[in-house]
Amino acid sequence: MTEEEFRYPGPKPQSKEAAIISVADSVEAAVRSMHNPNPERIEKLVKGIISDKMQDGQFSECDLTFKELNIISQTICTTLKGIFHSRIEYPDAPKQKVK
């Protein structure tokens, strides 16, 4: 398999909104395939995907600034960390009879 088989054949994002959706779609798919996502791994993944898209020129036709890309990265990380956070395991509570 080649990288080209997984590339979107359409045009590069033309608006900020289209670029954000592109990032969110890529990140969501990648995090869902991640085994045991934790905050550090999620943050590294999000930053890596945004960096890869920048290097590939995916943001060259929209007006996103570096500041906005940083805000997008932080927002996506915060959201995903909330979705994929781990919970502590509670001990089984003794069952009480209802009168």
PDB file of N, CA and C in Angstrom:
ATOM      1  N   MET A   1       0.833  -1.171   0.000  1.00  0.00           N
ATOM      2  CA  MET A   1       0.000   0.000   0.000  1.00  0.00           C
ATOM      3  C   MET A   1       0.881   1.238   0.000  1.00  0.00           C
ATOM      4  N   THR A   2       0.397   2.230  -0.668  1.00  0.00           N
ATOM      5  CA  THR A   2       1.138   3.486  -0.729  1.00  0.00           C
ATOM      6  C   THR A   2       0.349   4.596  -0.049  1.00  0.00           C
ATOM      7  N   GLU A   3       1.048   5.656   0.287  1.00  0.00           N
ATOM      8  CA  GLU A   3       0.397   6.814   0.909  1.00  0.00           C
ATOM      9  C   GLU A   3      -0.664   7.398  -0.010  1.00  0.00           C
ATOM     10  N   GLU A   4      -0.425   7.346  -1.296  1.00  0.00           N
ATOM     11  CA  GLU A   4      -1.364   7.903  -2.271  1.00  0.00           C
ATOM     12  C   GLU A   4      -2.745   7.247  -2.187  1.00  0.00           C
ATOM     13  N   GLU A   5      -2.791   5.984  -1.789  1.00  0.00           N
ATOM     14  CA  GLU A   5      -4.073   5.284  -1.685  1.00  0.00           C
ATOM     15  C   GLU A   5      -4.960   5.881  -0.599  1.00  0.00           C
ATOM     16  N   PHE A   6      -4.365   6.579   0.347  1.00  0.00           N
ATOM     17  CA  PHE A   6      -5.118   7.143   1.465  1.00  0.00           C
ATOM     18  C   PHE A   6      -5.288   8.656   1.356  1.00  0.00           C
ATOM     19  N   ARG A   7      -4.829   9.242   0.304  1.00  0.00           N
ATOM     20  CA  ARG A   7      -4.921  10.693   0.124  1.00  0.00           C
ATOM     21  C   ARG A   7      -6.266  11.085  -0.469  1.00  0.00           C
ATOM     22  N   TYR A   8      -6.757  12.208  -0.008  1.00  0.00           N
ATOM     23  CA  TYR A   8      -7.984  12.782  -0.544  1.00  0.00           C
ATOM     24  C   TYR A   8      -7.655  13.388  -1.900  1.00  0.00           C
ATOM     25  N   PRO A   9      -8.368  12.990  -2.950  1.00  0.00           N
ATOM     26  CA  PRO A   9      -8.014  13.450  -4.295  1.00  0.00           C
ATOM     27  C   PRO A   9      -8.513  14.861  -4.639  1.00  0.00           C
ATOM     28  N   GLY A  10      -9.280  15.454  -3.773  1.00  0.00           N
ATOM     29  CA  GLY A  10      -9.878  16.759  -4.072  1.00  0.00           C
ATOM     30  C   GLY A  10      -8.909  17.913  -3.889  1.00  0.00           C
ATOM     31  N   PRO A  11      -9.425  19.123  -3.999  1.00  0.00           N
ATOM     32  CA  PRO A  11      -8.578  20.313  -3.860  1.00  0.00           C
ATOM     33  C   PRO A  11      -8.151  20.537  -2.407  1.00  0.00           C
ATOM     34  N   LYS A  12      -7.126  21.345  -2.241  1.00  0.00           N
ATOM     35  CA  LYS A  12      -6.695  21.736  -0.898  1.00  0.00           C
ATOM     36  C   LYS A  12      -7.777  22.615  -0.286  1.00  0.00           C
ATOM     37  N   PRO A  13      -7.865  22.654   1.043  1.00  0.00           N
ATOM     38  CA  PRO A  13      -8.870  23.509   1.684  1.00  0.00           C
ATOM     39  C   PRO A  13      -8.741  24.965   1.233  1.00  0.00           C
ATOM     40  N   GLN A  14      -9.877  25.557   0.880  1.00  0.00           N
ATOM     41  CA  GLN A  14      -9.912  26.940   0.401  1.00  0.00           C
ATOM     42  C   GLN A  14     -10.331  27.920   1.495  1.00  0.00           C
ATOM     43  N   SER A  15     -10.875  27.416   2.576  1.00  0.00           N
ATOM     44  CA  SER A  15     -11.331  28.282   3.669  1.00  0.00           C
ATOM     45  C   SER A  15     -10.778  27.759   4.988  1.00  0.00           C
ATOM     46  N   LYS A  16     -10.830  28.612   5.995  1.00  0.00           N
ATOM     47  CA  LYS A  16     -10.380  28.206   7.325  1.00  0.00           C
ATOM     48  C   LYS A  16     -11.209  27.035   7.834  1.00  0.00           C
ATOM     49  N   GLU A  17     -12.506  27.117   7.595  1.00  0.00           N
ATOM     50  CA  GLU A  17     -13.411  26.068   8.072  1.00  0.00           C
ATOM     51  C   GLU A  17     -13.084  24.722   7.429  1.00  0.00           C
ATOM     52  N   ALA A  18     -12.813  24.727   6.140  1.00  0.00           N
ATOM     53  CA  ALA A  18     -12.472  23.482   5.441  1.00  0.00           C
ATOM     54  C   ALA A  18     -11.159  22.910   5.969  1.00  0.00           C
ATOM     55  N   ALA A  19     -10.206  23.769   6.273  1.00  0.00           N
ATOM     56  CA  ALA A  19      -8.928  23.312   6.820  1.00  0.00           C
ATOM     57  C   ALA A  19      -9.118  22.709   8.211  1.00  0.00           C
ATOM     58  N   ILE A  20      -9.953  23.335   9.028  1.00  0.00           N
ATOM     59  CA  ILE A  20     -10.224  22.822  10.373  1.00  0.00           C
ATOM     60  C   ILE A  20     -10.885  21.455  10.281  1.00  0.00           C
ATOM     61  N   ILE A  21     -11.840  21.300   9.390  1.00  0.00           N
ATOM     62  CA  ILE A  21     -12.513  20.011   9.218  1.00  0.00           C
ATOM     63  C   ILE A  21     -11.520  18.956   8.745  1.00  0.00           C
ATOM     64  N   SER A  22     -10.637  19.331   7.851  1.00  0.00           N
ATOM     65  CA  SER A  22      -9.618  18.408   7.365  1.00  0.00           C
ATOM     66  C   SER A  22      -8.735  17.910   8.510  1.00  0.00           C
ATOM     67  N   VAL A  23      -8.297  18.831   9.359  1.00  0.00           N
ATOM     68  CA  VAL A  23      -7.469  18.459  10.507  1.00  0.00           C
ATOM     69  C   VAL A  23      -8.267  17.583  11.467  1.00  0.00           C
ATOM     70  N   ALA A  24      -9.478  18.010  11.804  1.00  0.00           N
ATOM     71  CA  ALA A  24     -10.304  17.263  12.755  1.00  0.00           C
ATOM     72  C   ALA A  24     -10.595  15.854  12.256  1.00  0.00           C
ATOM     73  N   ASP A  25     -10.878  15.702  10.974  1.00  0.00           N
ATOM     74  CA  ASP A  25     -11.162  14.389  10.403  1.00  0.00           C
ATOM     75  C   ASP A  25      -9.934  13.484  10.492  1.00  0.00           C
ATOM     76  N   SER A  26      -8.783  14.006  10.137  1.00  0.00           N
ATOM     77  CA  SER A  26      -7.548  13.216  10.191  1.00  0.00           C
ATOM     78  C   SER A  26      -7.212  12.811  11.622  1.00  0.00           C
ATOM     79  N   VAL A  27      -7.320  13.760  12.537  1.00  0.00           N
ATOM     80  CA  VAL A  27      -6.990  13.498  13.935  1.00  0.00           C
ATOM     81  C   VAL A  27      -7.960  12.494  14.545  1.00  0.00           C
ATOM     82  N   GLU A  28      -9.241  12.666  14.281  1.00  0.00           N
ATOM     83  CA  GLU A  28     -10.250  11.758  14.852  1.00  0.00           C
ATOM     84  C   GLU A  28      -9.990  10.325  14.416  1.00  0.00           C
ATOM     85  N   ALA A  29      -9.721  10.121  13.147  1.00  0.00           N
ATOM     86  CA  ALA A  29      -9.454   8.772  12.642  1.00  0.00           C
ATOM     87  C   ALA A  29      -8.186   8.196  13.270  1.00  0.00           C
ATOM     88  N   ALA A  30      -7.165   9.013  13.402  1.00  0.00           N
ATOM     89  CA  ALA A  30      -5.899   8.538  13.960  1.00  0.00           C
ATOM     90  C   ALA A  30      -6.022   8.201  15.446  1.00  0.00           C
ATOM     91  N   VAL A  31      -6.731   9.022  16.209  1.00  0.00           N
ATOM     92  CA  VAL A  31      -6.883   8.757  17.640  1.00  0.00           C
ATOM     93  C   VAL A  31      -7.727   7.514  17.863  1.00  0.00           C
ATOM     94  N   ARG A  32      -8.750   7.316  17.061  1.00  0.00           N
ATOM     95  CA  ARG A  32      -9.589   6.118  17.217  1.00  0.00           C
ATOM     96  C   ARG A  32      -8.808   4.837  16.947  1.00  0.00           C
ATOM     97  N   SER A  33      -7.784   4.910  16.115  1.00  0.00           N
ATOM     98  CA  SER A  33      -6.983   3.719  15.833  1.00  0.00           C
ATOM     99  C   SER A  33      -5.842   3.545  16.837  1.00  0.00           C
ATOM    100  N   MET A  34      -5.677   4.510  17.723  1.00  0.00           N
ATOM    101  CA  MET A  34      -4.599   4.488  18.712  1.00  0.00           C
ATOM    102  C   MET A  34      -4.949   3.544  19.861  1.00  0.00           C
ATOM    103  N   HIS A  35      -3.977   2.721  20.257  1.00  0.00           N
ATOM    104  CA  HIS A  35      -4.176   1.829  21.400  1.00  0.00           C
ATOM    105  C   HIS A  35      -3.866   2.606  22.678  1.00  0.00           C
ATOM    106  N   ASN A  36      -4.787   2.631  23.603  1.00  0.00           N
ATOM    107  CA  ASN A  36      -4.647   3.344  24.874  1.00  0.00           C
ATOM    108  C   ASN A  36      -4.215   4.804  24.707  1.00  0.00           C
ATOM    109  N   PRO A  37      -5.072   5.628  24.112  1.00  0.00           N
ATOM    110  CA  PRO A  37      -4.697   7.039  23.969  1.00  0.00           C
ATOM    111  C   PRO A  37      -4.576   7.716  25.334  1.00  0.00           C
ATOM    112  N   ASN A  38      -3.521   8.475  25.516  1.00  0.00           N
ATOM    113  CA  ASN A  38      -3.369   9.254  26.740  1.00  0.00           C
ATOM    114  C   ASN A  38      -3.078  10.696  26.332  1.00  0.00           C
ATOM    115  N   PRO A  39      -3.156  11.642  27.263  1.00  0.00           N
ATOM    116  CA  PRO A  39      -3.000  13.051  26.891  1.00  0.00           C
ATOM    117  C   PRO A  39      -1.715  13.364  26.125  1.00  0.00           C
ATOM    118  N   GLU A  40      -0.605  12.783  26.540  1.00  0.00           N
ATOM    119  CA  GLU A  40       0.665  13.067  25.872  1.00  0.00           C
ATOM    120  C   GLU A  40       0.670  12.538  24.441  1.00  0.00           C
ATOM    121  N   ARG A  41       0.184  11.320  24.251  1.00  0.00           N
ATOM    122  CA  ARG A  41       0.155  10.725  22.913  1.00  0.00           C
ATOM    123  C   ARG A  41      -0.816  11.473  22.005  1.00  0.00           C
ATOM    124  N   ILE A  42      -1.950  11.891  22.554  1.00  0.00           N
ATOM    125  CA  ILE A  42      -2.929  12.650  21.769  1.00  0.00           C
ATOM    126  C   ILE A  42      -2.308  13.969  21.306  1.00  0.00           C
ATOM    127  N   GLU A  43      -1.660  14.675  22.229  1.00  0.00           N
ATOM    128  CA  GLU A  43      -1.057  15.965  21.879  1.00  0.00           C
ATOM    129  C   GLU A  43       0.028  15.798  20.812  1.00  0.00           C
ATOM    130  N   LYS A  44       0.855  14.786  20.959  1.00  0.00           N
ATOM    131  CA  LYS A  44       1.913  14.529  19.975  1.00  0.00           C
ATOM    132  C   LYS A  44       1.307  14.210  18.611  1.00  0.00           C
ATOM    133  N   LEU A  45       0.249  13.424  18.599  1.00  0.00           N
ATOM    134  CA  LEU A  45      -0.413  13.050  17.352  1.00  0.00           C
ATOM    135  C   LEU A  45      -1.029  14.269  16.663  1.00  0.00           C
ATOM    136  N   VAL A  46      -1.746  15.088  17.412  1.00  0.00           N
ATOM    137  CA  VAL A  46      -2.396  16.277  16.841  1.00  0.00           C
ATOM    138  C   VAL A  46      -1.347  17.214  16.243  1.00  0.00           C
ATOM    139  N   LYS A  47      -0.309  17.492  17.003  1.00  0.00           N
ATOM    140  CA  LYS A  47       0.749  18.382  16.502  1.00  0.00           C
ATOM    141  C   LYS A  47       1.431  17.783  15.275  1.00  0.00           C
ATOM    142  N   GLY A  48       1.628  16.465  15.277  1.00  0.00           N
ATOM    143  CA  GLY A  48       2.256  15.807  14.135  1.00  0.00           C
ATOM    144  C   GLY A  48       1.410  15.883  12.877  1.00  0.00           C
ATOM    145  N   ILE A  49       0.107  15.681  13.023  1.00  0.00           N
ATOM    146  CA  ILE A  49      -0.789  15.745  11.863  1.00  0.00           C
ATOM    147  C   ILE A  49      -0.834  17.163  11.301  1.00  0.00           C
ATOM    148  N   ILE A  50      -0.933  18.156  12.167  1.00  0.00           N
ATOM    149  CA  ILE A  50      -0.941  19.548  11.696  1.00  0.00           C
ATOM    150  C   ILE A  50       0.380  19.878  11.010  1.00  0.00           C
ATOM    151  N   SER A  51       1.479  19.449  11.595  1.00  0.00           N
ATOM    152  CA  SER A  51       2.796  19.692  10.994  1.00  0.00           C
ATOM    153  C   SER A  51       2.913  19.025   9.622  1.00  0.00           C
ATOM    154  N   ASP A  52       2.453  17.772   9.529  1.00  0.00           N
ATOM    155  CA  ASP A  52       2.496  17.053   8.243  1.00  0.00           C
ATOM    156  C   ASP A  52       1.670  17.776   7.186  1.00  0.00           C
ATOM    157  N   LYS A  53       0.491  18.249   7.583  1.00  0.00           N
ATOM    158  CA  LYS A  53      -0.367  18.962   6.630  1.00  0.00           C
ATOM    159  C   LYS A  53       0.277  20.283   6.197  1.00  0.00           C
ATOM    160  N   MET A  54       0.946  20.950   7.127  1.00  0.00           N
ATOM    161  CA  MET A  54       1.643  22.193   6.776  1.00  0.00           C
ATOM    162  C   MET A  54       2.763  21.908   5.777  1.00  0.00           C
ATOM    163  N   GLN A  55       3.565  20.888   6.062  1.00  0.00           N
ATOM    164  CA  GLN A  55       4.685  20.545   5.184  1.00  0.00           C
ATOM    165  C   GLN A  55       4.211  20.086   3.812  1.00  0.00           C
ATOM    166  N   ASP A  56       3.024  19.512   3.771  1.00  0.00           N
ATOM    167  CA  ASP A  56       2.451  19.036   2.512  1.00  0.00           C
ATOM    168  C   ASP A  56       1.769  20.167   1.738  1.00  0.00           C
ATOM    169  N   GLY A  57       1.718  21.365   2.327  1.00  0.00           N
ATOM    170  CA  GLY A  57       1.110  22.502   1.646  1.00  0.00           C
ATOM    171  C   GLY A  57      -0.404  22.515   1.687  1.00  0.00           C
ATOM    172  N   GLN A  58      -0.998  21.759   2.608  1.00  0.00           N
ATOM    173  CA  GLN A  58      -2.453  21.668   2.674  1.00  0.00           C
ATOM    174  C   GLN A  58      -3.120  22.968   3.121  1.00  0.00           C
ATOM    175  N   PHE A  59      -2.371  23.856   3.754  1.00  0.00           N
ATOM    176  CA  PHE A  59      -2.953  25.114   4.224  1.00  0.00           C
ATOM    177  C   PHE A  59      -2.554  26.298   3.344  1.00  0.00           C
ATOM    178  N   SER A  60      -1.954  26.019   2.210  1.00  0.00           N
ATOM    179  CA  SER A  60      -1.420  27.096   1.360  1.00  0.00           C
ATOM    180  C   SER A  60      -2.497  27.901   0.636  1.00  0.00           C
ATOM    181  N   GLU A  61      -3.721  27.379   0.575  1.00  0.00           N
ATOM    182  CA  GLU A  61      -4.781  28.076  -0.156  1.00  0.00           C
ATOM    183  C   GLU A  61      -5.881  28.612   0.756  1.00  0.00           C
ATOM    184  N   CYS A  62      -5.627  28.582   2.061  1.00  0.00           N
ATOM    185  CA  CYS A  62      -6.572  29.184   3.006  1.00  0.00           C
ATOM    186  C   CYS A  62      -5.800  30.196   3.844  1.00  0.00           C
ATOM    187  N   ASP A  63      -6.492  30.987   4.607  1.00  0.00           N
ATOM    188  CA  ASP A  63      -5.870  32.102   5.320  1.00  0.00           C
ATOM    189  C   ASP A  63      -5.570  31.805   6.788  1.00  0.00           C
ATOM    190  N   LEU A  64      -5.236  30.568   7.122  1.00  0.00           N
ATOM    191  CA  LEU A  64      -4.934  30.259   8.514  1.00  0.00           C
ATOM    192  C   LEU A  64      -3.567  30.811   8.901  1.00  0.00           C
ATOM    193  N   THR A  65      -3.511  31.404  10.084  1.00  0.00           N
ATOM    194  CA  THR A  65      -2.240  31.895  10.613  1.00  0.00           C
ATOM    195  C   THR A  65      -1.653  30.840  11.551  1.00  0.00           C
ATOM    196  N   PHE A  66      -0.387  30.994  11.890  1.00  0.00           N
ATOM    197  CA  PHE A  66       0.229  30.079  12.847  1.00  0.00           C
ATOM    198  C   PHE A  66      -0.476  30.164  14.197  1.00  0.00           C
ATOM    199  N   LYS A  67      -0.878  31.359  14.576  1.00  0.00           N
ATOM    200  CA  LYS A  67      -1.604  31.536  15.840  1.00  0.00           C
ATOM    201  C   LYS A  67      -2.906  30.736  15.813  1.00  0.00           C
ATOM    202  N   GLU A  68      -3.636  30.807  14.700  1.00  0.00           N
ATOM    203  CA  GLU A  68      -4.896  30.063  14.587  1.00  0.00           C
ATOM    204  C   GLU A  68      -4.646  28.555  14.577  1.00  0.00           C
ATOM    205  N   LEU A  69      -3.579  28.113  13.918  1.00  0.00           N
ATOM    206  CA  LEU A  69      -3.254  26.682  13.927  1.00  0.00           C
ATOM    207  C   LEU A  69      -2.943  26.213  15.343  1.00  0.00           C
ATOM    208  N   ASN A  70      -2.291  27.057  16.129  1.00  0.00           N
ATOM    209  CA  ASN A  70      -2.009  26.723  17.513  1.00  0.00           C
ATOM    210  C   ASN A  70      -3.301  26.623  18.322  1.00  0.00           C
ATOM    211  N   ILE A  71      -4.222  27.543  18.101  1.00  0.00           N
ATOM    212  CA  ILE A  71      -5.520  27.505  18.790  1.00  0.00           C
ATOM    213  C   ILE A  71      -6.294  26.247  18.388  1.00  0.00           C
ATOM    214  N   ILE A  72      -6.275  25.915  17.116  1.00  0.00           N
ATOM    215  CA  ILE A  72      -6.953  24.706  16.624  1.00  0.00           C
ATOM    216  C   ILE A  72      -6.355  23.477  17.295  1.00  0.00           C
ATOM    217  N   SER A  73      -5.037  23.402  17.350  1.00  0.00           N
ATOM    218  CA  SER A  73      -4.352  22.274  17.977  1.00  0.00           C
ATOM    219  C   SER A  73      -4.746  22.144  19.444  1.00  0.00           C
ATOM    220  N   GLN A  74      -4.703  23.250  20.185  1.00  0.00           N
ATOM    221  CA  GLN A  74      -5.055  23.232  21.606  1.00  0.00           C
ATOM    222  C   GLN A  74      -6.506  22.819  21.822  1.00  0.00           C
ATOM    223  N   THR A  75      -7.393  23.335  20.993  1.00  0.00           N
ATOM    224  CA  THR A  75      -8.819  23.034  21.134  1.00  0.00           C
ATOM    225  C   THR A  75      -9.106  21.567  20.843  1.00  0.00           C
ATOM    226  N   ILE A  76      -8.523  21.047  19.778  1.00  0.00           N
ATOM    227  CA  ILE A  76      -8.727  19.637  19.440  1.00  0.00           C
ATOM    228  C   ILE A  76      -8.145  18.752  20.537  1.00  0.00           C
ATOM    229  N   CYS A  77      -6.959  19.091  21.038  1.00  0.00           N
ATOM    230  CA  CYS A  77      -6.348  18.305  22.116  1.00  0.00           C
ATOM    231  C   CYS A  77      -7.231  18.293  23.361  1.00  0.00           C
ATOM    232  N   THR A  78      -7.727  19.447  23.751  1.00  0.00           N
ATOM    233  CA  THR A  78      -8.588  19.540  24.932  1.00  0.00           C
ATOM    234  C   THR A  78      -9.839  18.680  24.759  1.00  0.00           C
ATOM    235  N   THR A  79     -10.445  18.755  23.599  1.00  0.00           N
ATOM    236  CA  THR A  79     -11.658  17.981  23.331  1.00  0.00           C
ATOM    237  C   THR A  79     -11.372  16.484  23.371  1.00  0.00           C
ATOM    238  N   LEU A  80     -10.320  16.058  22.689  1.00  0.00           N
ATOM    239  CA  LEU A  80     -10.007  14.626  22.642  1.00  0.00           C
ATOM    240  C   LEU A  80      -9.571  14.091  23.999  1.00  0.00           C
ATOM    241  N   LYS A  81      -8.846  14.887  24.761  1.00  0.00           N
ATOM    242  CA  LYS A  81      -8.448  14.454  26.103  1.00  0.00           C
ATOM    243  C   LYS A  81      -9.684  14.255  26.976  1.00  0.00           C
ATOM    244  N   GLY A  82     -10.700  15.085  26.781  1.00  0.00           N
ATOM    245  CA  GLY A  82     -11.950  14.925  27.521  1.00  0.00           C
ATOM    246  C   GLY A  82     -12.709  13.681  27.109  1.00  0.00           C
ATOM    247  N   ILE A  83     -12.668  13.366  25.830  1.00  0.00           N
ATOM    248  CA  ILE A  83     -13.377  12.187  25.327  1.00  0.00           C
ATOM    249  C   ILE A  83     -12.673  10.901  25.742  1.00  0.00           C
ATOM    250  N   PHE A  84     -11.353  10.880  25.648  1.00  0.00           N
ATOM    251  CA  PHE A  84     -10.598   9.649  25.854  1.00  0.00           C
ATOM    252  C   PHE A  84      -9.908   9.572  27.210  1.00  0.00           C
ATOM    253  N   HIS A  85     -10.342  10.389  28.180  1.00  0.00           N
ATOM    254  CA  HIS A  85      -9.707  10.325  29.493  1.00  0.00           C
ATOM    255  C   HIS A  85     -10.028   8.996  30.163  1.00  0.00           C
ATOM    256  N   SER A  86      -9.116   8.563  31.020  1.00  0.00           N
ATOM    257  CA  SER A  86      -9.367   7.312  31.739  1.00  0.00           C
ATOM    258  C   SER A  86     -10.031   7.646  33.066  1.00  0.00           C
ATOM    259  N   ARG A  87     -10.776   6.709  33.533  1.00  0.00           N
ATOM    260  CA  ARG A  87     -11.461   6.894  34.812  1.00  0.00           C
ATOM    261  C   ARG A  87     -10.834   5.964  35.836  1.00  0.00           C
ATOM    262  N   ILE A  88     -10.861   6.402  37.075  1.00  0.00           N
ATOM    263  CA  ILE A  88     -10.359   5.523  38.119  1.00  0.00           C
ATOM    264  C   ILE A  88     -11.375   4.407  38.326  1.00  0.00           C
ATOM    265  N   GLU A  89     -10.882   3.272  38.749  1.00  0.00           N
ATOM    266  CA  GLU A  89     -11.772   2.143  38.990  1.00  0.00           C
ATOM    267  C   GLU A  89     -12.250   2.223  40.433  1.00  0.00           C
ATOM    268  N   TYR A  90     -13.552   2.247  40.595  1.00  0.00           N
ATOM    269  CA  TYR A  90     -14.127   2.325  41.926  1.00  0.00           C
ATOM    270  C   TYR A  90     -14.303   0.920  42.486  1.00  0.00           C
ATOM    271  N   PRO A  91     -14.080   0.760  43.793  1.00  0.00           N
ATOM    272  CA  PRO A  91     -14.311  -0.563  44.386  1.00  0.00           C
ATOM    273  C   PRO A  91     -15.807  -0.862  44.383  1.00  0.00           C
ATOM    274  N   ASP A  92     -16.114  -2.137  44.345  1.00  0.00           N
ATOM    275  CA  ASP A  92     -17.521  -2.532  44.393  1.00  0.00           C
ATOM    276  C   ASP A  92     -18.105  -2.128  45.742  1.00  0.00           C
ATOM    277  N   ALA A  93     -19.223  -1.445  45.703  1.00  0.00           N
ATOM    278  CA  ALA A  93     -19.901  -1.031  46.927  1.00  0.00           C
ATOM    279  C   ALA A  93     -20.781  -2.180  47.405  1.00  0.00           C
ATOM    280  N   PRO A  94     -20.840  -2.372  48.711  1.00  0.00           N
ATOM    281  CA  PRO A  94     -21.727  -3.435  49.211  1.00  0.00           C
ATOM    282  C   PRO A  94     -23.179  -3.099  48.863  1.00  0.00           C
ATOM    283  N   LYS A  95     -23.900  -4.110  48.464  1.00  0.00           N
ATOM    284  CA  LYS A  95     -25.300  -3.899  48.085  1.00  0.00           C
ATOM    285  C   LYS A  95     -26.155  -3.810  49.336  1.00  0.00           C
ATOM    286  N   GLN A  96     -27.063  -2.834  49.330  1.00  0.00           N
ATOM    287  CA  GLN A  96     -27.955  -2.641  50.465  1.00  0.00           C
ATOM    288  C   GLN A  96     -29.356  -3.067  50.066  1.00  0.00           C
ATOM    289  N   LYS A  97     -30.048  -3.630  51.017  1.00  0.00           N
ATOM    290  CA  LYS A  97     -31.430  -4.020  50.761  1.00  0.00           C
ATOM    291  C   LYS A  97     -32.317  -2.792  50.827  1.00  0.00           C
ATOM    292  N   VAL A  98     -33.258  -2.722  49.903  1.00  0.00           N
ATOM    293  CA  VAL A  98     -34.203  -1.618  49.874  1.00  0.00           C
ATOM    294  C   VAL A  98     -35.430  -2.024  50.673  1.00  0.00           C
ATOM    295  N   LYS A  99     -35.880  -1.140  51.568  1.00  0.00           N
ATOM    296  CA  LYS A  99     -37.051  -1.465  52.392  1.00  0.00           C
ATOM    297  C   LYS A  99     -38.286  -0.899  51.786  1.00  0.00           C
TER     298      LYS A  99
END
